[in-house]
Amino acid sequence: MPARAADHRPGRPHAAVFISGVQYDSPGRNDCSNGSLNKEWLELTNSTRRTVNLDGWTLSNKDGRTYTSHHYRLEGRSTVRVHTGVGHNNTTDVYQDRRTDVWDHHSDTATLRNDHGRFIDDTSWGRGHHGGHRH
């Protein structure tokens, strides 16, 4: 079952775009096939009414593996699922086009930054964390 990102910490401003869910360990056989890799994903949600241009925004793990979004606009009050494997981007699903896992299945942190490199949001799981909670 995928982890849902926790509510924002008190005193932390609610970002227009935030990490709303993560499936860091694909269910079933984890064999690095494209099907398995695409069952590993992270969701970004836009909580505002306005469209947000995610061109140049990045998602990275604690080891520095980074995905950069290109030519994607997240509509207002919508969610996009960012899959690890290869696929055809559409309004609800985008693909990192990787051939190996990104997210550590035991312990990792996913960090979202905007096109200026500014921190937007993160979520952590594993040792010392409860699945999908903010760090």
Protein backbone atom coordinates (compact mmCIF):
# COMPACT_ATOMS: atom_id res chain seq x y z
CA MET A 1 0.00 0.00 0.00
CA PRO A 2 1.47 3.41 -0.93
CA ALA A 3 2.47 5.83 1.77
CA ARG A 4 0.64 9.12 1.95
CA ALA A 5 2.67 12.15 2.81
CA ALA A 6 1.77 13.56 6.22
CA ASP A 7 0.11 16.90 6.78
CA HIS A 8 2.38 19.89 6.79
CA ARG A 9 4.06 20.62 10.09
CA PRO A 10 2.57 23.43 12.18
CA GLY A 11 4.18 26.73 11.30
CA ARG A 12 5.33 25.45 7.91
CA PRO A 13 3.68 27.34 5.07
CA HIS A 14 1.48 25.18 2.88
CA ALA A 15 3.12 25.06 -0.55
CA ALA A 16 0.99 25.37 -3.67
CA VAL A 17 2.65 22.17 -4.93
CA PHE A 18 3.59 19.43 -2.48
CA ILE A 19 4.46 15.73 -2.31
CA SER A 20 1.15 14.03 -1.61
CA GLY A 21 2.06 10.34 -1.86
CA VAL A 22 4.84 7.90 -2.56
CA GLN A 23 5.16 4.24 -3.55
CA TYR A 24 8.88 3.69 -2.96
CA ASP A 25 8.84 -0.11 -3.14
CA SER A 26 6.90 -1.45 -6.11
CA PRO A 27 4.41 -4.13 -5.12
CA GLY A 28 5.00 -7.65 -6.39
CA ARG A 29 8.20 -8.84 -7.97
CA ASN A 30 10.89 -6.15 -7.92
CA ASP A 31 12.95 -7.17 -10.93
CA CYS A 32 13.82 -3.76 -12.44
CA SER A 33 11.53 -4.50 -15.39
CA ASN A 34 9.80 -1.42 -16.78
CA GLY A 35 6.50 -2.63 -15.31
CA SER A 36 8.06 -2.95 -11.87
CA LEU A 37 9.81 0.42 -12.15
CA ASN A 38 6.56 2.15 -13.09
CA LYS A 39 4.91 0.81 -9.93
CA GLU A 40 7.47 2.95 -8.05
CA TRP A 41 6.16 6.54 -8.05
CA LEU A 42 5.76 9.80 -6.24
CA GLU A 43 2.72 12.10 -6.45
CA LEU A 44 2.77 15.88 -6.65
CA THR A 45 -0.41 17.81 -5.92
CA ASN A 46 -1.27 21.41 -6.80
CA SER A 47 -3.59 22.70 -4.07
CA THR A 48 -4.35 26.02 -5.78
CA ARG A 49 -6.76 26.94 -8.58
CA ARG A 50 -3.98 28.18 -10.84
CA THR A 51 -1.78 26.10 -13.13
CA VAL A 52 1.86 25.76 -12.00
CA ASN A 53 4.65 25.42 -14.56
CA LEU A 54 6.93 22.63 -13.29
CA ASP A 55 9.53 23.09 -16.05
CA GLY A 56 12.96 22.84 -14.37
CA TRP A 57 11.62 21.57 -11.01
CA THR A 58 13.53 18.64 -9.53
CA LEU A 59 12.87 15.55 -7.43
CA SER A 60 15.92 14.02 -5.79
CA ASN A 61 16.73 11.25 -3.36
CA LYS A 62 19.21 11.34 -0.47
CA ASP A 63 21.95 9.95 -2.76
CA GLY A 64 21.54 12.83 -5.20
CA ARG A 65 19.80 10.97 -8.03
CA THR A 66 17.69 13.71 -9.59
CA TYR A 67 14.80 13.91 -12.01
CA THR A 68 14.18 17.26 -13.72
CA SER A 69 10.72 18.04 -15.05
CA HIS A 70 10.55 19.32 -18.62
CA HIS A 71 7.60 21.02 -20.31
CA TYR A 72 4.98 20.02 -17.75
CA ARG A 73 2.23 22.23 -16.37
CA LEU A 74 0.30 20.94 -13.34
CA GLU A 75 -3.29 22.12 -13.56
CA GLY A 76 -4.99 23.66 -10.54
CA ARG A 77 -6.38 21.27 -7.93
CA SER A 78 -4.83 18.25 -9.61
CA THR A 79 -2.21 15.56 -9.01
CA VAL A 80 0.48 14.07 -11.22
CA ARG A 81 2.16 10.72 -10.59
CA VAL A 82 5.90 10.67 -11.38
CA HIS A 83 6.87 7.09 -12.29
CA THR A 84 10.45 5.81 -12.23
CA GLY A 85 10.40 3.81 -15.48
CA VAL A 86 9.82 4.58 -19.14
CA GLY A 87 6.45 5.67 -20.51
CA HIS A 88 4.51 8.32 -22.38
CA ASN A 89 3.83 11.50 -20.39
CA ASN A 90 0.25 12.73 -20.13
CA THR A 91 -1.69 15.04 -17.82
CA THR A 92 -1.82 12.58 -14.91
CA ASP A 93 1.38 10.52 -15.31
CA VAL A 94 4.96 11.44 -16.16
CA TYR A 95 7.99 9.16 -16.44
CA GLN A 96 11.61 9.57 -15.37
CA ASP A 97 12.73 7.15 -18.11
CA ARG A 98 15.06 5.26 -15.76
CA ARG A 99 16.14 1.64 -16.02
CA THR A 100 16.86 1.18 -12.27
CA ASP A 101 15.17 2.03 -8.96
CA VAL A 102 15.41 5.57 -7.62
CA TRP A 103 13.93 5.35 -4.15
CA ASP A 104 15.63 3.23 -1.49
CA HIS A 105 13.12 0.68 -0.23
CA HIS A 106 14.41 0.79 3.35
CA SER A 107 15.13 4.46 4.05
CA ASP A 108 15.17 7.54 1.85
CA THR A 109 14.08 11.15 1.47
CA ALA A 110 12.42 12.60 -1.61
CA THR A 111 13.03 16.35 -2.01
CA LEU A 112 11.14 18.68 -4.34
CA ARG A 113 12.81 21.92 -5.50
CA ASN A 114 11.55 24.59 -7.87
CA ASP A 115 13.31 25.81 -11.03
CA HIS A 116 15.44 28.18 -8.92
CA GLY A 117 16.66 25.33 -6.69
CA ARG A 118 14.56 26.50 -3.73
CA PHE A 119 13.25 23.86 -1.35
CA ILE A 120 9.52 23.24 -1.80
CA ASP A 121 8.78 20.00 0.07
CA ASP A 122 10.18 16.65 1.16
CA THR A 123 9.03 13.35 2.57
CA SER A 124 11.01 10.56 4.27
CA TRP A 125 10.52 6.92 5.15
CA GLY A 126 12.40 4.06 6.77
CA ARG A 127 14.80 4.01 9.69
CA GLY A 128 13.84 6.73 12.13
CA HIS A 129 10.83 7.74 10.03
CA HIS A 130 7.26 6.55 9.74
CA GLY A 131 6.35 5.80 6.12
CA GLY A 132 5.59 8.88 4.07
CA HIS A 133 6.04 11.44 6.82
CA ARG A 134 7.65 14.80 6.34
CA HIS A 135 11.21 15.23 7.50
